[in-house]
Amino acid sequence: MQRKLLTTALILLGTTLAQSHEFWLQPRKFRYAVGETMKVDFMVGENFTGEFWDLQRHKVEKLEFHSVAQPKNLLNEVKNSKGSNLSYTFEREGTDVLVLESNFAYIGLEGEKFNAYLKEDGLDYILDSRTKDGKLNEPSRENYKRYAKLIVQVGNKFDDTFRKKIGLRYEIIPLANPYAMKSGDYLECQVFWEGKPAPHALVKVWNFVGHRSFLQNIYSEDDGTIKFPISSPGPWMVSSVRMIPSEKDGADYQSLWTSLVFGIE
């Protein structure tokens, strides 16, 4: 299968948040010195712009900090606030990864809106199933879970923590250190579903330039890899969603959203 680059879209910050699909971890900056404190916002929205995640409605099931040392459980450090949901002070140099897993939440949509959402996020196999079963006009009941990873660089010492397989059910892993890259380079990532490469998954690659976000839609190769140009410095997000029939009563489907955020100088 040849790699498909579907679209490159320019999206303005003023875009209305019609459906807040994406979820990500957003720091104030991406490079730190030992002894500095990182503050992270838990964000939800579209087009790599959004609003603070509502921790009154949602819960964090896992929050871990991964470095060359043993992983740290930061679940008890989560602040139920609008932004600045986590503060962490770095103790050593390296390429570090912050990982969050949410609980399941529920959403119901009218048939037409649900079908449009399936088309937008490349979930054609669910749309085909609804068509085959004559359920296109039926509303949907969906449980959804979010996985998010943030990679930051502390000091000038690089390590391979960025490519560590955390074990999330749906996960995106860069195959090169983003902090060793610059504009003009190409970054390759690999998408995993239940620990195995996920072929033909729609992956969205966002980057911010000034007050605008740019989007590339790419389908993963047979080995789950995607490759894209680092066209500019700034924040970057790679995201994807997987949907399966619900494994619990009370819903028709369950979706698992995954995101990876890093910064390029």
C-alpha atoms as a PDB file:
ATOM      1  CA  MET A   1       0.000   0.000   0.000  1.00  0.00           C
ATOM      2  CA  GLN A   2       1.420   3.393  -0.953  1.00  0.00           C
ATOM      3  CA  ARG A   3       1.399   6.062   1.720  1.00  0.00           C
ATOM      4  CA  LYS A   4      -1.535   8.399   1.208  1.00  0.00           C
ATOM      5  CA  LEU A   5      -1.341  12.064   2.136  1.00  0.00           C
ATOM      6  CA  LEU A   6      -5.011  12.978   1.929  1.00  0.00           C
ATOM      7  CA  THR A   7      -5.170  16.687   2.626  1.00  0.00           C
ATOM      8  CA  THR A   8      -3.269  19.620   3.963  1.00  0.00           C
ATOM      9  CA  ALA A   9      -5.766  22.045   5.452  1.00  0.00           C
ATOM     10  CA  LEU A  10      -5.293  25.531   6.865  1.00  0.00           C
ATOM     11  CA  ILE A  11      -7.478  26.139   9.887  1.00  0.00           C
ATOM     12  CA  LEU A  12      -7.865  29.464  11.692  1.00  0.00           C
ATOM     13  CA  LEU A  13      -7.971  29.764  15.461  1.00  0.00           C
ATOM     14  CA  GLY A  14     -11.472  31.200  15.270  1.00  0.00           C
ATOM     15  CA  THR A  15     -12.940  27.896  14.100  1.00  0.00           C
ATOM     16  CA  THR A  16     -15.911  26.844  16.204  1.00  0.00           C
ATOM     17  CA  LEU A  17     -15.449  23.749  18.331  1.00  0.00           C
ATOM     18  CA  ALA A  18     -18.275  21.752  16.829  1.00  0.00           C
ATOM     19  CA  GLN A  19     -17.183  18.430  18.256  1.00  0.00           C
ATOM     20  CA  SER A  20     -14.301  18.395  20.725  1.00  0.00           C
ATOM     21  CA  HIS A  21     -12.621  15.269  19.437  1.00  0.00           C
ATOM     22  CA  GLU A  22      -8.934  15.754  20.163  1.00  0.00           C
ATOM     23  CA  PHE A  23      -7.387  15.585  23.619  1.00  0.00           C
ATOM     24  CA  TRP A  24      -3.788  16.491  24.386  1.00  0.00           C
ATOM     25  CA  LEU A  25      -1.262  17.551  27.013  1.00  0.00           C
ATOM     26  CA  GLN A  26      -0.060  21.112  26.466  1.00  0.00           C
ATOM     27  CA  PRO A  27       2.990  22.508  28.293  1.00  0.00           C
ATOM     28  CA  ARG A  28       4.036  26.165  28.409  1.00  0.00           C
ATOM     29  CA  LYS A  29       7.225  25.172  26.553  1.00  0.00           C
ATOM     30  CA  PHE A  30       8.988  21.997  25.430  1.00  0.00           C
ATOM     31  CA  ARG A  31      12.622  22.399  26.548  1.00  0.00           C
ATOM     32  CA  TYR A  32      13.688  22.718  30.199  1.00  0.00           C
ATOM     33  CA  ALA A  33      16.728  22.860  32.428  1.00  0.00           C
ATOM     34  CA  VAL A  34      17.251  20.614  35.442  1.00  0.00           C
ATOM     35  CA  GLY A  35      15.444  22.177  38.391  1.00  0.00           C
ATOM     36  CA  GLU A  36      12.819  23.908  36.233  1.00  0.00           C
ATOM     37  CA  THR A  37       9.136  23.189  36.765  1.00  0.00           C
ATOM     38  CA  MET A  38       6.857  22.217  33.905  1.00  0.00           C
ATOM     39  CA  LYS A  39       3.185  23.179  34.039  1.00  0.00           C
ATOM     40  CA  VAL A  40       0.811  21.182  31.842  1.00  0.00           C
ATOM     41  CA  ASP A  41      -2.744  21.943  30.731  1.00  0.00           C
ATOM     42  CA  PHE A  42      -5.119  19.085  29.898  1.00  0.00           C
ATOM     43  CA  MET A  43      -6.760  20.283  26.675  1.00  0.00           C
ATOM     44  CA  VAL A  44      -9.723  19.202  24.551  1.00  0.00           C
ATOM     45  CA  GLY A  45     -10.872  20.633  21.236  1.00  0.00           C
ATOM     46  CA  GLU A  46     -10.361  20.601  17.514  1.00  0.00           C
ATOM     47  CA  ASN A  47      -7.645  21.800  15.155  1.00  0.00           C
ATOM     48  CA  PHE A  48      -5.022  21.804  17.931  1.00  0.00           C
ATOM     49  CA  THR A  49      -6.869  24.626  19.662  1.00  0.00           C
ATOM     50  CA  GLY A  50      -9.481  24.208  22.335  1.00  0.00           C
ATOM     51  CA  GLU A  51     -10.416  24.629  25.947  1.00  0.00           C
ATOM     52  CA  PHE A  52      -9.451  23.235  29.310  1.00  0.00           C
ATOM     53  CA  TRP A  53     -10.614  19.667  29.967  1.00  0.00           C
ATOM     54  CA  ASP A  54     -13.433  19.487  32.490  1.00  0.00           C
ATOM     55  CA  LEU A  55     -12.212  17.295  35.328  1.00  0.00           C
ATOM     56  CA  GLN A  56     -15.631  17.581  36.962  1.00  0.00           C
ATOM     57  CA  ARG A  57     -16.997  15.386  34.148  1.00  0.00           C
ATOM     58  CA  HIS A  58     -13.940  13.288  33.357  1.00  0.00           C
ATOM     59  CA  LYS A  59     -11.384  11.408  35.394  1.00  0.00           C
ATOM     60  CA  VAL A  60      -7.740  10.484  34.985  1.00  0.00           C
ATOM     61  CA  GLU A  61      -7.112   6.762  35.424  1.00  0.00           C
ATOM     62  CA  LYS A  62      -3.356   6.855  34.805  1.00  0.00           C
ATOM     63  CA  LEU A  63      -0.757   9.623  34.809  1.00  0.00           C
ATOM     64  CA  GLU A  64       2.880   8.555  34.601  1.00  0.00           C
ATOM     65  CA  PHE A  65       6.221  10.269  34.057  1.00  0.00           C
ATOM     66  CA  HIS A  66       8.744   8.189  32.100  1.00  0.00           C
ATOM     67  CA  SER A  67      12.478   8.900  31.943  1.00  0.00           C
ATOM     68  CA  VAL A  68      15.700   6.897  32.089  1.00  0.00           C
ATOM     69  CA  ALA A  69      14.799   6.233  35.729  1.00  0.00           C
ATOM     70  CA  GLN A  70      11.823   4.215  36.973  1.00  0.00           C
ATOM     71  CA  PRO A  71       8.393   5.534  35.910  1.00  0.00           C
ATOM     72  CA  LYS A  72       6.697   7.796  38.443  1.00  0.00           C
ATOM     73  CA  ASN A  73       3.001   7.643  39.253  1.00  0.00           C
ATOM     74  CA  LEU A  74       1.695  11.226  39.269  1.00  0.00           C
ATOM     75  CA  LEU A  75      -2.003  10.428  39.580  1.00  0.00           C
ATOM     76  CA  ASN A  76      -2.260  12.067  42.994  1.00  0.00           C
ATOM     77  CA  GLU A  77      -0.641  15.242  41.626  1.00  0.00           C
ATOM     78  CA  VAL A  78      -3.541  16.075  39.266  1.00  0.00           C
ATOM     79  CA  LYS A  79      -5.210  19.403  40.035  1.00  0.00           C
ATOM     80  CA  ASN A  80      -8.918  19.793  39.327  1.00  0.00           C
ATOM     81  CA  SER A  81      -8.536  23.274  37.876  1.00  0.00           C
ATOM     82  CA  LYS A  82      -8.913  25.174  34.628  1.00  0.00           C
ATOM     83  CA  GLY A  83      -5.418  24.707  33.277  1.00  0.00           C
ATOM     84  CA  SER A  84      -2.172  24.035  35.153  1.00  0.00           C
ATOM     85  CA  ASN A  85      -3.490  20.554  35.897  1.00  0.00           C
ATOM     86  CA  LEU A  86      -0.016  19.218  36.637  1.00  0.00           C
ATOM     87  CA  SER A  87       3.282  20.694  37.825  1.00  0.00           C
ATOM     88  CA  TYR A  88       6.488  18.682  37.671  1.00  0.00           C
ATOM     89  CA  THR A  89      10.065  19.674  38.565  1.00  0.00           C
ATOM     90  CA  PHE A  90      12.810  17.975  36.564  1.00  0.00           C
ATOM     91  CA  GLU A  91      15.613  16.237  38.441  1.00  0.00           C
ATOM     92  CA  ARG A  92      17.874  15.054  35.593  1.00  0.00           C
ATOM     93  CA  GLU A  93      18.632  15.603  31.930  1.00  0.00           C
ATOM     94  CA  GLY A  94      17.011  13.487  29.248  1.00  0.00           C
ATOM     95  CA  THR A  95      14.131  13.037  26.838  1.00  0.00           C
ATOM     96  CA  ASP A  96      11.063  12.489  29.025  1.00  0.00           C
ATOM     97  CA  VAL A  97       7.511  11.308  28.353  1.00  0.00           C
ATOM     98  CA  LEU A  98       4.337  12.182  30.259  1.00  0.00           C
ATOM     99  CA  VAL A  99       1.488   9.696  29.736  1.00  0.00           C
ATOM    100  CA  LEU A 100      -2.212  10.085  30.571  1.00  0.00           C
ATOM    101  CA  GLU A 101      -5.115   7.650  30.285  1.00  0.00           C
ATOM    102  CA  SER A 102      -8.686   8.786  30.968  1.00  0.00           C
ATOM    103  CA  ASN A 103     -11.691   6.799  32.089  1.00  0.00           C
ATOM    104  CA  PHE A 104     -14.510   5.979  29.682  1.00  0.00           C
ATOM    105  CA  ALA A 105     -17.093   8.690  29.059  1.00  0.00           C
ATOM    106  CA  TYR A 106     -20.396   8.437  27.209  1.00  0.00           C
ATOM    107  CA  ILE A 107     -21.788  10.370  24.253  1.00  0.00           C
ATOM    108  CA  GLY A 108     -24.899   9.910  22.105  1.00  0.00           C
ATOM    109  CA  LEU A 109     -25.279  11.380  18.617  1.00  0.00           C
ATOM    110  CA  GLU A 110     -28.002  11.534  16.011  1.00  0.00           C
ATOM    111  CA  GLY A 111     -27.437   9.228  13.065  1.00  0.00           C
ATOM    112  CA  GLU A 112     -26.485  11.953  10.598  1.00  0.00           C
ATOM    113  CA  LYS A 113     -23.997  13.600  12.965  1.00  0.00           C
ATOM    114  CA  PHE A 114     -22.462  10.266  13.886  1.00  0.00           C
ATOM    115  CA  ASN A 115     -22.012   9.314  10.221  1.00  0.00           C
ATOM    116  CA  ALA A 116     -20.308  12.660   9.521  1.00  0.00           C
ATOM    117  CA  TYR A 117     -17.968  12.088  12.469  1.00  0.00           C
ATOM    118  CA  LEU A 118     -17.073   8.630  11.125  1.00  0.00           C
ATOM    119  CA  LYS A 119     -16.214  10.107   7.714  1.00  0.00           C
ATOM    120  CA  GLU A 120     -14.143  12.920   9.232  1.00  0.00           C
ATOM    121  CA  ASP A 121     -12.011  10.592  11.320  1.00  0.00           C
ATOM    122  CA  GLY A 122     -11.469   7.848   8.756  1.00  0.00           C
ATOM    123  CA  LEU A 123     -13.658   5.275  10.505  1.00  0.00           C
ATOM    124  CA  ASP A 124     -14.948   3.896   7.213  1.00  0.00           C
ATOM    125  CA  TYR A 125     -15.151   0.331   8.524  1.00  0.00           C
ATOM    126  CA  ILE A 126     -17.760   1.411  11.093  1.00  0.00           C
ATOM    127  CA  LEU A 127     -19.641   3.414   8.460  1.00  0.00           C
ATOM    128  CA  ASP A 128     -19.597   0.414   6.092  1.00  0.00           C
ATOM    129  CA  SER A 129     -20.964  -1.798   8.873  1.00  0.00           C
ATOM    130  CA  ARG A 130     -23.793   0.646   9.612  1.00  0.00           C
ATOM    131  CA  THR A 131     -24.607   0.805   5.899  1.00  0.00           C
ATOM    132  CA  LYS A 132     -24.620  -2.980   5.567  1.00  0.00           C
ATOM    133  CA  ASP A 133     -26.870  -3.377   8.624  1.00  0.00           C
ATOM    134  CA  GLY A 134     -29.259  -0.611   7.506  1.00  0.00           C
ATOM    135  CA  LYS A 135     -28.498   1.516  10.570  1.00  0.00           C
ATOM    136  CA  LEU A 136     -27.333   4.747   8.955  1.00  0.00           C
ATOM    137  CA  ASN A 137     -30.310   6.680  10.304  1.00  0.00           C
ATOM    138  CA  GLU A 138     -30.081   5.257  13.811  1.00  0.00           C
ATOM    139  CA  PRO A 139     -28.527   7.290  16.638  1.00  0.00           C
ATOM    140  CA  SER A 140     -25.291   6.093  18.198  1.00  0.00           C
ATOM    141  CA  ARG A 141     -24.331   5.315  21.769  1.00  0.00           C
ATOM    142  CA  GLU A 142     -20.605   5.516  22.333  1.00  0.00           C
ATOM    143  CA  ASN A 143     -18.150   5.149  25.192  1.00  0.00           C
ATOM    144  CA  TYR A 144     -14.823   6.864  24.584  1.00  0.00           C
ATOM    145  CA  LYS A 145     -11.423   6.796  26.263  1.00  0.00           C
ATOM    146  CA  ARG A 146      -8.409   9.045  25.738  1.00  0.00           C
ATOM    147  CA  TYR A 147      -4.693   8.335  25.738  1.00  0.00           C
ATOM    148  CA  ALA A 148      -2.222  11.216  25.542  1.00  0.00           C
ATOM    149  CA  LYS A 149       1.574  11.427  25.500  1.00  0.00           C
ATOM    150  CA  LEU A 150       3.793  14.495  25.793  1.00  0.00           C
ATOM    151  CA  ILE A 151       7.519  14.390  24.981  1.00  0.00           C
ATOM    152  CA  VAL A 152       9.792  17.101  26.431  1.00  0.00           C
ATOM    153  CA  GLN A 153      13.546  17.628  26.470  1.00  0.00           C
ATOM    154  CA  VAL A 154      15.493  18.430  29.649  1.00  0.00           C
ATOM    155  CA  GLY A 155      19.010  19.750  29.149  1.00  0.00           C
ATOM    156  CA  ASN A 156      21.141  18.602  26.221  1.00  0.00           C
ATOM    157  CA  LYS A 157      21.337  14.879  26.954  1.00  0.00           C
ATOM    158  CA  PHE A 158      19.205  12.746  24.611  1.00  0.00           C
ATOM    159  CA  ASP A 159      18.002   9.226  25.399  1.00  0.00           C
ATOM    160  CA  ASP A 160      15.587   6.679  23.913  1.00  0.00           C
ATOM    161  CA  THR A 161      12.677   7.109  26.339  1.00  0.00           C
ATOM    162  CA  PHE A 162      10.717   8.754  23.497  1.00  0.00           C
ATOM    163  CA  ARG A 163      10.431   5.412  21.685  1.00  0.00           C
ATOM    164  CA  LYS A 164       9.503   3.339  24.736  1.00  0.00           C
ATOM    165  CA  LYS A 165       6.340   1.309  24.232  1.00  0.00           C
ATOM    166  CA  ILE A 166       4.203   2.365  27.202  1.00  0.00           C
ATOM    167  CA  GLY A 167       1.609  -0.354  26.647  1.00  0.00           C
ATOM    168  CA  LEU A 168      -1.428   1.788  25.916  1.00  0.00           C
ATOM    169  CA  ARG A 169      -4.114  -0.039  24.021  1.00  0.00           C
ATOM    170  CA  TYR A 170      -3.796   2.509  21.197  1.00  0.00           C
ATOM    171  CA  GLU A 171      -0.438   4.259  20.983  1.00  0.00           C
ATOM    172  CA  ILE A 172       1.718   6.382  18.672  1.00  0.00           C
ATOM    173  CA  ILE A 173       5.503   6.119  18.978  1.00  0.00           C
ATOM    174  CA  PRO A 174       8.051   8.301  17.157  1.00  0.00           C
ATOM    175  CA  LEU A 175      10.930   6.351  15.636  1.00  0.00           C
ATOM    176  CA  ALA A 176      13.380   9.256  15.962  1.00  0.00           C
ATOM    177  CA  ASN A 177      13.886  11.811  18.717  1.00  0.00           C
ATOM    178  CA  PRO A 178      11.869  14.940  17.812  1.00  0.00           C
ATOM    179  CA  TYR A 179      14.329  17.084  19.778  1.00  0.00           C
ATOM    180  CA  ALA A 180      17.184  16.002  17.521  1.00  0.00           C
ATOM    181  CA  MET A 181      15.225  17.249  14.503  1.00  0.00           C
ATOM    182  CA  LYS A 182      14.832  20.594  12.781  1.00  0.00           C
ATOM    183  CA  SER A 183      12.651  22.145  10.103  1.00  0.00           C
ATOM    184  CA  GLY A 184      13.122  20.315   6.799  1.00  0.00           C
ATOM    185  CA  ASP A 185      13.642  16.885   8.384  1.00  0.00           C
ATOM    186  CA  TYR A 186      11.138  14.026   8.101  1.00  0.00           C
ATOM    187  CA  LEU A 187       9.778  12.268  11.174  1.00  0.00           C
ATOM    188  CA  GLU A 188       8.541   8.684  11.096  1.00  0.00           C
ATOM    189  CA  CYS A 189       6.067   7.405  13.693  1.00  0.00           C
ATOM    190  CA  GLN A 190       4.467   4.011  14.230  1.00  0.00           C
ATOM    191  CA  VAL A 191       0.887   3.356  15.332  1.00  0.00           C
ATOM    192  CA  PHE A 192       0.158   0.371  17.583  1.00  0.00           C
ATOM    193  CA  TRP A 193      -3.164  -1.277  18.396  1.00  0.00           C
ATOM    194  CA  GLU A 194      -3.011  -3.695  21.331  1.00  0.00           C
ATOM    195  CA  GLY A 195       0.756  -3.856  20.992  1.00  0.00           C
ATOM    196  CA  LYS A 196       0.811  -4.676  17.286  1.00  0.00           C
ATOM    197  CA  PRO A 197       1.376  -2.355  14.295  1.00  0.00           C
ATOM    198  CA  ALA A 198      -1.902  -0.797  13.115  1.00  0.00           C
ATOM    199  CA  PRO A 199      -2.096  -0.654   9.299  1.00  0.00           C
ATOM    200  CA  HIS A 200      -4.297   1.706   7.259  1.00  0.00           C
ATOM    201  CA  ALA A 201      -5.231   3.909  10.234  1.00  0.00           C
ATOM    202  CA  LEU A 202      -6.027   7.556   9.566  1.00  0.00           C
ATOM    203  CA  VAL A 203      -3.504   9.661  11.461  1.00  0.00           C
ATOM    204  CA  LYS A 204      -3.813  13.432  11.803  1.00  0.00           C
ATOM    205  CA  VAL A 205      -0.647  15.498  12.058  1.00  0.00           C
ATOM    206  CA  TRP A 206      -1.093  19.057  13.343  1.00  0.00           C
ATOM    207  CA  ASN A 207       1.401  21.877  13.662  1.00  0.00           C
ATOM    208  CA  PHE A 208       1.042  25.441  14.835  1.00  0.00           C
ATOM    209  CA  VAL A 209       2.531  28.369  12.944  1.00  0.00           C
ATOM    210  CA  GLY A 210       1.833  31.770  14.458  1.00  0.00           C
ATOM    211  CA  HIS A 211      -1.915  31.868  15.080  1.00  0.00           C
ATOM    212  CA  ARG A 212      -2.783  29.146  12.583  1.00  0.00           C
ATOM    213  CA  SER A 213      -2.787  25.374  12.687  1.00  0.00           C
ATOM    214  CA  PHE A 214      -2.032  23.160   9.721  1.00  0.00           C
ATOM    215  CA  LEU A 215      -3.269  19.606   9.269  1.00  0.00           C
ATOM    216  CA  GLN A 216      -1.983  16.628   7.323  1.00  0.00           C
ATOM    217  CA  ASN A 217      -4.165  13.499   7.072  1.00  0.00           C
ATOM    218  CA  ILE A 218      -2.085  10.370   6.479  1.00  0.00           C
ATOM    219  CA  TYR A 219      -2.981   6.676   6.357  1.00  0.00           C
ATOM    220  CA  SER A 220      -0.495   4.354   8.055  1.00  0.00           C
ATOM    221  CA  GLU A 221       1.420   1.783   6.012  1.00  0.00           C
ATOM    222  CA  ASP A 222       1.079  -1.983   6.358  1.00  0.00           C
ATOM    223  CA  ASP A 223       3.596  -1.860   9.219  1.00  0.00           C
ATOM    224  CA  GLY A 224       1.709   0.942  10.998  1.00  0.00           C
ATOM    225  CA  THR A 225       4.224   3.644  10.084  1.00  0.00           C
ATOM    226  CA  ILE A 226       3.652   7.168   8.813  1.00  0.00           C
ATOM    227  CA  LYS A 227       6.246   9.691   7.658  1.00  0.00           C
ATOM    228  CA  PHE A 228       5.782  13.440   7.407  1.00  0.00           C
ATOM    229  CA  PRO A 229       7.900  16.568   6.898  1.00  0.00           C
ATOM    230  CA  ILE A 230       8.764  18.820   9.809  1.00  0.00           C
ATOM    231  CA  SER A 231       7.803  21.932   7.886  1.00  0.00           C
ATOM    232  CA  SER A 232       8.205  24.523  10.644  1.00  0.00           C
ATOM    233  CA  PRO A 233       9.222  25.002  14.284  1.00  0.00           C
ATOM    234  CA  GLY A 234       6.594  25.091  17.030  1.00  0.00           C
ATOM    235  CA  PRO A 235       4.147  22.672  18.694  1.00  0.00           C
ATOM    236  CA  TRP A 236       3.229  19.438  16.874  1.00  0.00           C
ATOM    237  CA  MET A 237       0.532  16.842  17.551  1.00  0.00           C
ATOM    238  CA  VAL A 238       0.021  13.405  16.007  1.00  0.00           C
ATOM    239  CA  SER A 239      -3.388  11.853  16.720  1.00  0.00           C
ATOM    240  CA  SER A 240      -5.650   8.979  15.723  1.00  0.00           C
ATOM    241  CA  VAL A 241      -8.818   7.183  16.823  1.00  0.00           C
ATOM    242  CA  ARG A 242      -9.808   3.513  16.827  1.00  0.00           C
ATOM    243  CA  MET A 243     -13.435   2.403  17.135  1.00  0.00           C
ATOM    244  CA  ILE A 244     -14.719  -1.077  17.962  1.00  0.00           C
ATOM    245  CA  PRO A 245     -18.066  -2.575  18.987  1.00  0.00           C
ATOM    246  CA  SER A 246     -18.753  -1.807  22.625  1.00  0.00           C
ATOM    247  CA  GLU A 247     -17.341  -4.284  25.121  1.00  0.00           C
ATOM    248  CA  LYS A 248     -19.804  -3.079  27.750  1.00  0.00           C
ATOM    249  CA  ASP A 249     -23.590  -2.896  27.938  1.00  0.00           C
ATOM    250  CA  GLY A 250     -25.273   0.458  27.397  1.00  0.00           C
ATOM    251  CA  ALA A 251     -23.395   1.477  24.238  1.00  0.00           C
ATOM    252  CA  ASP A 252     -23.052   0.392  20.626  1.00  0.00           C
ATOM    253  CA  TYR A 253     -19.421   1.408  20.133  1.00  0.00           C
ATOM    254  CA  GLN A 254     -16.339   2.390  22.033  1.00  0.00           C
ATOM    255  CA  SER A 255     -13.628   4.652  20.691  1.00  0.00           C
ATOM    256  CA  LEU A 256     -10.055   5.031  21.850  1.00  0.00           C
ATOM    257  CA  TRP A 257      -8.319   8.321  21.050  1.00  0.00           C
ATOM    258  CA  THR A 258      -4.561   8.664  21.135  1.00  0.00           C
ATOM    259  CA  SER A 259      -2.323  11.718  20.791  1.00  0.00           C
ATOM    260  CA  LEU A 260       1.364  12.533  20.844  1.00  0.00           C
ATOM    261  CA  VAL A 261       2.655  16.094  21.375  1.00  0.00           C
ATOM    262  CA  PHE A 262       6.181  17.499  21.044  1.00  0.00           C
ATOM    263  CA  GLY A 263       7.878  20.750  20.059  1.00  0.00           C
ATOM    264  CA  ILE A 264      10.369  21.629  17.309  1.00  0.00           C
ATOM    265  CA  GLU A 265      12.804  24.543  17.556  1.00  0.00           C
END
